[in-house]
Amino acid sequence: MMDLLPRPLDPVRSIKLKLGILLVASGAAGLGIFRIGIGWLPPMTSITAIALALLTSQVLAHGMTSPLREMTAAVRAMARGDYSRRVRATSRDEVGELAVAFNQMASDLAEADRHRRELIANVSHELRTPITALQGLLENVVDGVAEPDPGTLRTALAQTERLGQLVAELLDLSRLDAGVVPLRRVRVDVVDFLDEAVRQAAVTAAGAGREVGFQVRHGAEPLVFEADPWRLHQVFANLLDNAARHSPAGGMVLVSVDQRGDQLQFEVIDEGDGIPVEERSRVFERFTRGERARGGGTGLGLAIAHWVVEMHGGSIAVLDPVPTAPDRPANGCRIRVSLPLAAAT
């Protein structure tokens, strides 16, 4: 509710002066009551008391208002792009709480600014690579160095598709950040959903020349859950594409699903080199690809998968690998997606 009480000291531009006026006004009011009550007022004693009170208030108010002056200087520095300034928060009053909140805000802004700079740098890098390749290819065709044969055109098409994929993923991330991507939940048959996702992943892998097989494991009983199938398809398309990309020739990608209480646990396991333990907490950040970057990709797929899974009220994580068969070692990457059977109400 808006404060409608009068603020007679608002025109005064100094808190220290406001405190002095407050003290003098309070003292004068007290002296007035004293004058009315006893009929006389010692002038020198009153003037001395008011002057001493005013001086004391100015000295004590300096420490009270120092954090506010520091905040003003820090805000001006932030306007110039400097987010390193902090305020000393030693008092336990409201000003101290404001200083603590200000420092937290400054840290958040600094982190957001760092992410913004990294995003610009990473997007520029990701766009430059296919654009440079496409430009060089077209220049060779125009100069007559290369012929516009089917192989050359396929290379140009691949670079164009990579650009289109990057732009589409960036748009998805911007929509997810803005919270403008509603979920259209329907009842989804788990077996049919996984079979379709694996079938499309196999076609994509074959088109890219990857000699990888896919296997789906699920129980005999039917499983149905509430989800947005199109958004979840993005999740499993990214996971399966990553698994196929990093699996060796002749490798197998295993997709399994199991019901645990009111949760469905999906796992995608490949037979590649896996993800080091120290990198597992960062693989769902934007443009983070780690040592598995050798296989290509934009570094945005897992970030989008993380967002979509969280929107469904689930979780996604990289776990320790397990053997995909009794005669195979426990290596590769194992990612688990946990989703609720029913939407939260």
Protein backbone atom coordinates (compact mmCIF):
# COMPACT_ATOMS: atom_id res chain seq x y z
CA MET A 1 0.00 0.00 0.00
CA MET A 2 1.29 3.45 -0.89
CA ASP A 3 2.45 5.58 2.06
CA LEU A 4 0.11 8.63 2.14
CA LEU A 5 1.58 10.24 5.24
CA PRO A 6 3.13 13.70 4.70
CA ARG A 7 6.88 13.97 4.13
CA PRO A 8 7.87 17.50 5.08
CA LEU A 9 11.62 16.79 4.87
CA ASP A 10 11.59 15.46 1.29
CA PRO A 11 12.96 18.75 -0.17
CA VAL A 12 16.08 18.45 2.04
CA ARG A 13 18.82 16.74 0.00
CA SER A 14 21.01 15.47 2.87
CA ILE A 15 20.07 12.71 5.32
CA LYS A 16 22.51 14.14 7.85
CA LEU A 17 20.77 17.50 7.62
CA LYS A 18 17.40 15.77 7.93
CA LEU A 19 18.57 14.07 11.12
CA GLY A 20 19.78 17.40 12.46
CA ILE A 21 16.47 19.06 11.67
CA LEU A 22 14.65 16.14 13.27
CA LEU A 23 16.73 16.41 16.40
CA VAL A 24 16.41 20.19 16.66
CA ALA A 25 12.67 20.06 16.00
CA SER A 26 12.21 17.34 18.60
CA GLY A 27 14.31 19.29 21.11
CA ALA A 28 12.42 22.49 20.38
CA ALA A 29 9.13 20.69 20.88
CA GLY A 30 10.35 19.34 24.19
CA LEU A 31 11.55 22.77 25.27
CA GLY A 32 8.19 24.25 24.28
CA ILE A 33 6.39 21.79 26.51
CA PHE A 34 8.91 22.59 29.23
CA ARG A 35 8.24 26.33 28.76
CA ILE A 36 4.51 25.84 28.93
CA GLY A 37 4.75 23.58 31.93
CA ILE A 38 7.00 25.61 34.23
CA GLY A 39 6.61 29.08 32.72
CA TRP A 40 10.28 29.84 31.98
CA LEU A 41 13.21 28.57 29.86
CA PRO A 42 16.96 28.88 30.55
CA PRO A 43 18.17 30.40 27.25
CA MET A 44 21.91 29.60 27.34
CA THR A 45 21.39 26.07 28.55
CA SER A 46 18.79 25.44 25.86
CA ILE A 47 20.92 26.87 23.05
CA THR A 48 23.96 24.92 24.21
CA ALA A 49 21.99 21.67 24.43
CA ILE A 50 20.54 22.10 20.95
CA ALA A 51 23.93 22.96 19.44
CA LEU A 52 25.61 20.00 21.12
CA ALA A 53 22.81 17.67 19.99
CA LEU A 54 23.11 18.97 16.42
CA LEU A 55 26.89 18.43 16.39
CA THR A 56 26.54 14.95 17.84
CA SER A 57 23.91 14.01 15.27
CA GLN A 58 26.18 15.10 12.41
CA VAL A 59 29.09 13.02 13.73
CA LEU A 60 26.99 9.90 14.31
CA ALA A 61 25.05 10.30 11.05
CA HIS A 62 28.28 10.15 9.04
CA GLY A 63 28.61 6.41 9.67
CA MET A 64 24.91 5.88 9.10
CA THR A 65 24.90 7.54 5.69
CA SER A 66 28.29 6.30 4.48
CA PRO A 67 26.80 3.10 2.88
CA LEU A 68 24.28 5.23 1.01
CA ARG A 69 27.06 7.41 -0.43
CA GLU A 70 28.98 4.27 -1.41
CA MET A 71 25.88 2.89 -3.13
CA THR A 72 25.49 6.12 -5.10
CA ALA A 73 29.11 5.91 -6.28
CA ALA A 74 28.71 2.21 -7.11
CA VAL A 75 25.54 2.83 -9.13
CA ARG A 76 27.32 5.53 -11.14
CA ALA A 77 30.17 3.09 -11.77
CA MET A 78 27.66 0.44 -12.92
CA ALA A 79 26.23 2.93 -15.39
CA ARG A 80 29.74 3.04 -16.92
CA GLY A 81 29.92 -0.77 -17.06
CA ASP A 82 31.96 -1.33 -13.88
CA TYR A 83 30.25 -3.98 -11.72
CA SER A 84 33.16 -4.57 -9.36
CA ARG A 85 32.23 -1.95 -6.75
CA ARG A 86 30.85 -3.22 -3.44
CA VAL A 87 29.48 -1.52 -0.34
CA ARG A 88 30.80 -2.16 3.16
CA ALA A 89 27.89 -3.69 5.06
CA THR A 90 28.74 -3.65 8.78
CA SER A 91 25.62 -2.19 10.39
CA ARG A 92 22.68 -4.36 11.41
CA ASP A 93 19.91 -1.86 10.73
CA GLU A 94 17.82 -1.27 7.62
CA VAL A 95 20.71 0.51 5.88
CA GLY A 96 22.93 -2.50 6.53
CA GLU A 97 20.29 -4.83 5.07
CA LEU A 98 20.03 -2.54 2.07
CA ALA A 99 23.81 -2.69 1.64
CA VAL A 100 23.78 -6.50 1.73
CA ALA A 101 20.97 -6.60 -0.83
CA PHE A 102 22.82 -4.08 -2.98
CA ASN A 103 26.00 -6.19 -2.95
CA GLN A 104 23.99 -9.26 -3.95
CA MET A 105 22.37 -7.32 -6.77
CA ALA A 106 25.78 -6.08 -7.93
CA SER A 107 27.12 -9.65 -7.97
CA ASP A 108 24.09 -10.85 -9.96
CA LEU A 109 24.50 -8.01 -12.45
CA ALA A 110 28.21 -8.77 -12.81
CA GLU A 111 27.42 -12.43 -13.47
CA ALA A 112 24.70 -11.52 -15.97
CA ASP A 113 27.07 -9.15 -17.74
CA ARG A 114 29.71 -11.90 -17.90
CA HIS A 115 27.18 -14.34 -19.38
CA ARG A 116 26.12 -11.68 -21.90
CA ARG A 117 29.69 -11.10 -23.03
CA GLU A 118 30.35 -14.83 -23.25
CA LEU A 119 27.13 -15.34 -25.20
CA ILE A 120 28.07 -12.65 -27.73
CA ALA A 121 31.58 -14.09 -28.11
CA ASN A 122 30.33 -17.68 -28.45
CA VAL A 123 27.57 -16.80 -30.89
CA SER A 124 30.03 -14.81 -32.98
CA HIS A 125 32.41 -17.78 -33.01
CA GLU A 126 29.71 -20.31 -33.85
CA LEU A 127 28.34 -18.15 -36.66
CA ARG A 128 31.75 -17.33 -38.07
CA THR A 129 32.75 -20.96 -38.63
CA PRO A 130 29.95 -22.00 -41.06
CA ILE A 131 29.82 -18.54 -42.65
CA THR A 132 33.56 -18.65 -43.38
CA ALA A 133 33.32 -22.16 -44.80
CA LEU A 134 30.30 -21.26 -46.91
CA GLN A 135 31.91 -18.06 -48.15
CA GLY A 136 35.12 -19.86 -49.12
CA LEU A 137 33.15 -22.56 -50.94
CA LEU A 138 31.07 -20.05 -52.91
CA GLU A 139 34.15 -17.98 -53.77
CA ASN A 140 35.82 -21.09 -55.20
CA VAL A 141 32.74 -21.82 -57.29
CA VAL A 142 32.53 -18.22 -58.54
CA ASP A 143 36.27 -18.09 -59.35
CA GLY A 144 36.09 -21.40 -61.18
CA VAL A 145 38.39 -23.17 -58.75
CA ALA A 146 35.63 -25.63 -57.81
CA GLU A 147 32.76 -26.99 -59.85
CA PRO A 148 29.16 -26.76 -58.57
CA ASP A 149 28.87 -30.54 -58.51
CA PRO A 150 26.59 -32.45 -56.12
CA GLY A 151 29.39 -32.90 -53.56
CA THR A 152 30.12 -29.17 -53.42
CA LEU A 153 26.43 -28.34 -53.15
CA ARG A 154 25.98 -30.90 -50.34
CA THR A 155 28.81 -29.22 -48.42
CA ALA A 156 27.20 -25.82 -48.89
CA LEU A 157 23.84 -27.23 -47.79
CA ALA A 158 25.41 -28.75 -44.67
CA GLN A 159 26.90 -25.40 -43.65
CA THR A 160 23.57 -23.67 -44.30
CA GLU A 161 21.77 -26.27 -42.20
CA ARG A 162 24.24 -25.70 -39.39
CA LEU A 163 23.51 -21.98 -39.49
CA GLY A 164 19.78 -22.66 -39.45
CA GLN A 165 20.13 -25.04 -36.50
CA LEU A 166 22.14 -22.49 -34.52
CA VAL A 167 19.62 -19.71 -35.17
CA ALA A 168 16.70 -21.98 -34.25
CA GLU A 169 18.39 -23.04 -31.00
CA LEU A 170 19.18 -19.43 -30.09
CA LEU A 171 15.54 -18.48 -30.68
CA ASP A 172 14.42 -21.39 -28.50
CA LEU A 173 16.72 -20.30 -25.70
CA SER A 174 15.53 -16.70 -25.91
CA ARG A 175 11.90 -17.84 -25.70
CA LEU A 176 12.66 -20.12 -22.78
CA ASP A 177 14.50 -17.32 -20.96
CA ALA A 178 11.56 -14.99 -21.51
CA GLY A 179 9.10 -17.63 -20.29
CA VAL A 180 6.95 -17.33 -23.41
CA VAL A 181 7.02 -21.03 -24.31
CA PRO A 182 3.87 -22.64 -22.91
CA LEU A 183 3.72 -26.39 -22.53
CA ARG A 184 0.94 -28.13 -24.41
CA ARG A 185 0.58 -31.23 -22.26
CA VAL A 186 -1.22 -34.29 -23.56
CA ARG A 187 -1.23 -37.94 -22.57
CA VAL A 188 1.80 -39.53 -24.19
CA ASP A 189 2.42 -43.25 -24.67
CA VAL A 190 6.01 -43.80 -23.56
CA VAL A 191 6.79 -46.76 -25.83
CA ASP A 192 5.45 -45.09 -28.96
CA PHE A 193 7.24 -41.86 -28.08
CA LEU A 194 10.63 -43.56 -27.59
CA ASP A 195 10.25 -45.73 -30.70
CA GLU A 196 9.55 -42.63 -32.81
CA ALA A 197 12.47 -40.69 -31.28
CA VAL A 198 14.89 -43.58 -31.86
CA ARG A 199 13.62 -44.13 -35.41
CA GLN A 200 14.27 -40.48 -36.30
CA ALA A 201 17.67 -40.55 -34.57
CA ALA A 202 18.65 -43.62 -36.61
CA VAL A 203 17.71 -41.88 -39.85
CA THR A 204 19.71 -38.79 -38.85
CA ALA A 205 22.74 -40.89 -37.88
CA ALA A 206 22.61 -42.84 -41.16
CA GLY A 207 22.36 -39.60 -43.13
CA ALA A 208 25.48 -38.31 -41.37
CA GLY A 209 27.37 -41.51 -42.11
CA ARG A 210 27.52 -42.70 -38.50
CA GLU A 211 27.62 -46.48 -38.10
CA VAL A 212 25.74 -46.62 -34.81
CA GLY A 213 22.96 -48.88 -33.65
CA PHE A 214 20.09 -48.04 -31.30
CA GLN A 215 18.36 -50.22 -28.74
CA VAL A 216 15.27 -49.45 -26.66
CA ARG A 217 14.50 -51.17 -23.36
CA HIS A 218 11.19 -50.81 -21.56
CA GLY A 219 8.84 -52.90 -19.51
CA ALA A 220 5.98 -54.96 -20.85
CA GLU A 221 3.27 -52.91 -19.14
CA PRO A 222 2.01 -49.78 -20.93
CA LEU A 223 3.22 -46.43 -19.61
CA VAL A 224 1.43 -43.15 -20.15
CA PHE A 225 2.40 -39.74 -18.79
CA GLU A 226 1.40 -36.10 -19.28
CA ALA A 227 3.90 -34.01 -21.25
CA ASP A 228 4.45 -31.79 -24.26
CA PRO A 229 5.59 -34.37 -26.86
CA TRP A 230 7.05 -31.82 -29.27
CA ARG A 231 9.22 -30.20 -26.60
CA LEU A 232 10.28 -33.56 -25.18
CA HIS A 233 11.19 -34.68 -28.68
CA GLN A 234 13.73 -31.84 -28.69
CA VAL A 235 15.23 -33.26 -25.51
CA PHE A 236 15.62 -36.81 -26.79
CA ALA A 237 16.64 -35.73 -30.28
CA ASN A 238 19.54 -33.81 -28.73
CA LEU A 239 20.48 -36.63 -26.36
CA LEU A 240 20.35 -39.30 -29.06
CA ASP A 241 22.22 -37.14 -31.57
CA ASN A 242 24.97 -36.48 -29.02
CA ALA A 243 25.15 -40.18 -28.16
CA ALA A 244 25.38 -41.19 -31.83
CA ARG A 245 27.95 -38.49 -32.58
CA HIS A 246 30.30 -39.59 -29.80
CA SER A 247 29.88 -43.35 -30.13
CA PRO A 248 32.54 -45.32 -32.02
CA ALA A 249 31.81 -47.01 -35.33
CA GLY A 250 29.74 -50.11 -34.68
CA GLY A 251 28.76 -48.81 -31.24
CA MET A 252 25.37 -49.11 -29.62
CA VAL A 253 23.21 -46.38 -28.07
CA LEU A 254 20.92 -47.72 -25.37
CA VAL A 255 17.68 -45.96 -24.45
CA SER A 256 15.78 -47.25 -21.42
CA VAL A 257 12.78 -46.21 -19.35
CA ASP A 258 11.64 -47.35 -15.94
CA GLN A 259 8.91 -46.23 -13.56
CA ARG A 260 10.01 -45.32 -10.02
CA GLY A 261 7.05 -44.26 -7.92
CA ASP A 262 5.42 -41.25 -9.54
CA GLN A 263 8.46 -40.64 -11.77
CA LEU A 264 9.60 -41.97 -15.12
CA GLN A 265 13.36 -42.39 -15.42
CA PHE A 266 14.77 -42.32 -18.94
CA GLU A 267 18.42 -43.11 -19.61
CA VAL A 268 20.48 -42.59 -22.75
CA ILE A 269 23.83 -44.42 -22.71
CA ASP A 270 26.50 -44.37 -25.41
CA GLU A 271 29.85 -46.15 -25.76
CA GLY A 272 32.02 -43.10 -26.37
CA ASP A 273 34.72 -41.57 -24.20
CA GLY A 274 32.23 -40.24 -21.66
CA ILE A 275 32.24 -36.93 -19.81
CA PRO A 276 34.87 -36.29 -17.10
CA VAL A 277 33.45 -35.94 -13.59
CA GLU A 278 34.70 -32.37 -13.25
CA GLU A 279 32.78 -31.30 -16.38
CA ARG A 280 29.44 -32.98 -15.66
CA SER A 281 27.99 -30.05 -13.73
CA ARG A 282 28.67 -27.68 -16.65
CA VAL A 283 27.53 -29.66 -19.68
CA PHE A 284 24.04 -28.18 -19.46
CA GLU A 285 25.34 -24.61 -19.68
CA ARG A 286 25.16 -22.77 -22.98
CA PHE A 287 27.98 -23.41 -25.46
CA THR A 288 29.64 -25.84 -23.04
CA ARG A 289 30.89 -28.86 -24.93
CA GLY A 290 34.09 -29.82 -23.09
CA GLU A 291 36.23 -32.61 -24.46
CA ARG A 292 33.33 -34.01 -26.47
CA ALA A 293 33.38 -30.99 -28.77
CA ARG A 294 35.43 -32.91 -31.33
CA GLY A 295 32.24 -34.41 -32.71
CA GLY A 296 30.74 -31.05 -33.61
CA GLY A 297 27.50 -29.50 -32.37
CA THR A 298 26.70 -26.01 -31.21
CA GLY A 299 26.81 -26.51 -27.45
CA LEU A 300 23.17 -25.42 -27.10
CA GLY A 301 21.32 -28.72 -27.33
CA LEU A 302 21.87 -29.82 -23.72
CA ALA A 303 21.06 -26.32 -22.44
CA ILE A 304 17.70 -26.51 -24.23
CA ALA A 305 17.16 -30.06 -22.92
CA HIS A 306 17.80 -28.85 -19.37
CA TRP A 307 15.27 -26.01 -19.73
CA VAL A 308 12.56 -28.24 -21.21
CA VAL A 309 12.97 -30.94 -18.56
CA GLU A 310 12.78 -28.35 -15.77
CA MET A 311 9.64 -26.86 -17.36
CA HIS A 312 8.08 -30.32 -17.03
CA GLY A 313 9.00 -30.42 -13.34
CA GLY A 314 11.73 -33.01 -13.89
CA SER A 315 15.50 -33.24 -13.67
CA ILE A 316 18.40 -34.20 -15.93
CA ALA A 317 21.89 -35.24 -14.89
CA VAL A 318 25.03 -37.04 -16.05
CA LEU A 319 25.64 -40.24 -14.06
CA ASP A 320 28.48 -42.72 -13.77
CA PRO A 321 28.50 -45.12 -16.74
CA VAL A 322 27.32 -48.72 -16.46
CA PRO A 323 28.05 -51.66 -18.80
CA THR A 324 25.62 -51.84 -21.71
CA ALA A 325 26.27 -55.59 -21.96
CA PRO A 326 27.99 -58.22 -19.76
CA ASP A 327 31.01 -58.37 -22.08
CA ARG A 328 31.40 -54.58 -22.40
CA PRO A 329 33.31 -52.30 -20.00
CA ALA A 330 31.55 -49.53 -18.07
CA ASN A 331 32.41 -46.56 -20.24
CA GLY A 332 30.64 -43.93 -22.29
CA CYS A 333 28.17 -41.25 -21.27
CA ARG A 334 25.03 -41.95 -19.23
CA ILE A 335 22.38 -39.26 -18.96
CA ARG A 336 19.24 -39.71 -16.88
CA VAL A 337 16.03 -37.73 -17.38
CA SER A 338 13.45 -37.95 -14.60
CA LEU A 339 9.92 -36.76 -15.40
CA PRO A 340 6.72 -36.83 -13.32
CA LEU A 341 3.92 -39.05 -14.54
CA ALA A 342 1.35 -36.30 -14.03
CA ALA A 343 1.60 -32.54 -14.32
CA ALA A 344 1.81 -30.64 -11.04
CA THR A 345 -1.41 -28.89 -10.09
